Amino acid sequence: MIELKVEGMTCGHCEQAVRQALARVPGVTAVLVVDRVQQRATVEGDADPAALIAAIKDEGFQASAT
């Protein structure tokens, strides 16, 4: 599992945008959690964490590894 801190999500649409962006990253087998309140996202798979962070940033949110 890979956990990320995601800042800037304010609504369900934001969560959905992050979820879809993460799902498109090669190596992601499942997006387990995207939670705007806890400011986190959790994915399964062997994706490169830098690629996950870049995908989130491309959607307009800040992200970092936890």
Protein backbone atom coordinates (compact mmCIF):
# COMPACT_ATOMS: atom_id res chain seq x y z
CA MET A 1 0.00 0.00 0.00
CA ILE A 2 1.09 3.53 -0.73
CA GLU A 3 -0.28 6.38 1.39
CA LEU A 4 -0.18 10.00 0.32
CA LYS A 5 -1.09 13.28 1.97
CA VAL A 6 -3.36 15.27 -0.36
CA GLU A 7 -4.14 18.91 0.34
CA GLY A 8 -6.71 21.14 -1.30
CA MET A 9 -9.67 18.78 -1.70
CA THR A 10 -12.85 20.57 -0.61
CA CYS A 11 -15.71 18.47 -1.99
CA GLY A 12 -16.76 15.12 -3.39
CA HIS A 13 -15.88 16.25 -6.91
CA CYS A 14 -12.30 16.89 -5.75
CA GLU A 15 -12.13 13.40 -4.25
CA GLN A 16 -13.43 11.90 -7.50
CA ALA A 17 -10.88 13.83 -9.57
CA VAL A 18 -8.03 12.54 -7.38
CA ARG A 19 -9.42 9.00 -7.44
CA GLN A 20 -9.59 8.98 -11.25
CA ALA A 21 -6.13 10.50 -11.61
CA LEU A 22 -4.61 7.86 -9.32
CA ALA A 23 -6.41 5.03 -11.11
CA ARG A 24 -4.77 6.06 -14.40
CA VAL A 25 -1.22 5.76 -13.04
CA PRO A 26 0.55 2.60 -14.28
CA GLY A 27 0.98 0.06 -11.50
CA VAL A 28 -2.09 1.05 -9.48
CA THR A 29 -4.26 -2.01 -8.92
CA ALA A 30 -6.82 -0.31 -6.65
CA VAL A 31 -7.57 3.11 -5.19
CA LEU A 32 -8.60 2.23 -1.65
CA VAL A 33 -9.17 5.61 0.00
CA VAL A 34 -9.47 9.23 -1.08
CA ASP A 35 -10.59 11.30 1.92
CA ARG A 36 -10.76 15.09 1.87
CA VAL A 37 -11.34 15.37 5.63
CA GLN A 38 -8.28 13.33 6.56
CA GLN A 39 -6.37 14.74 3.56
CA ARG A 40 -5.13 11.35 2.42
CA ALA A 41 -5.21 8.86 -0.38
CA THR A 42 -4.25 5.19 -0.29
CA VAL A 43 -3.58 2.97 -3.30
CA GLU A 44 -2.54 -0.63 -3.84
CA GLY A 45 0.00 -1.72 -6.40
CA ASP A 46 3.58 -1.07 -7.37
CA ALA A 47 3.18 2.40 -8.86
CA ASP A 48 6.00 4.90 -8.54
CA PRO A 49 5.09 7.30 -5.69
CA ALA A 50 6.51 10.21 -7.70
CA ALA A 51 4.10 9.37 -10.54
CA LEU A 52 1.18 9.31 -8.09
CA ILE A 53 2.17 12.70 -6.68
CA ALA A 54 2.55 14.12 -10.20
CA ALA A 55 -0.92 12.84 -11.18
CA ILE A 56 -2.47 14.54 -8.16
CA LYS A 57 -0.61 17.78 -8.83
CA ASP A 58 -1.81 17.70 -12.44
CA GLU A 59 -5.36 17.84 -11.04
CA GLY A 60 -4.48 20.99 -9.07
CA PHE A 61 -3.89 19.56 -5.60
CA GLN A 62 -0.80 19.34 -3.42
CA ALA A 63 0.49 15.87 -2.54
CA SER A 64 3.36 14.28 -0.68
CA ALA A 65 4.40 10.85 0.55
CA THR A 66 3.54 10.07 4.17
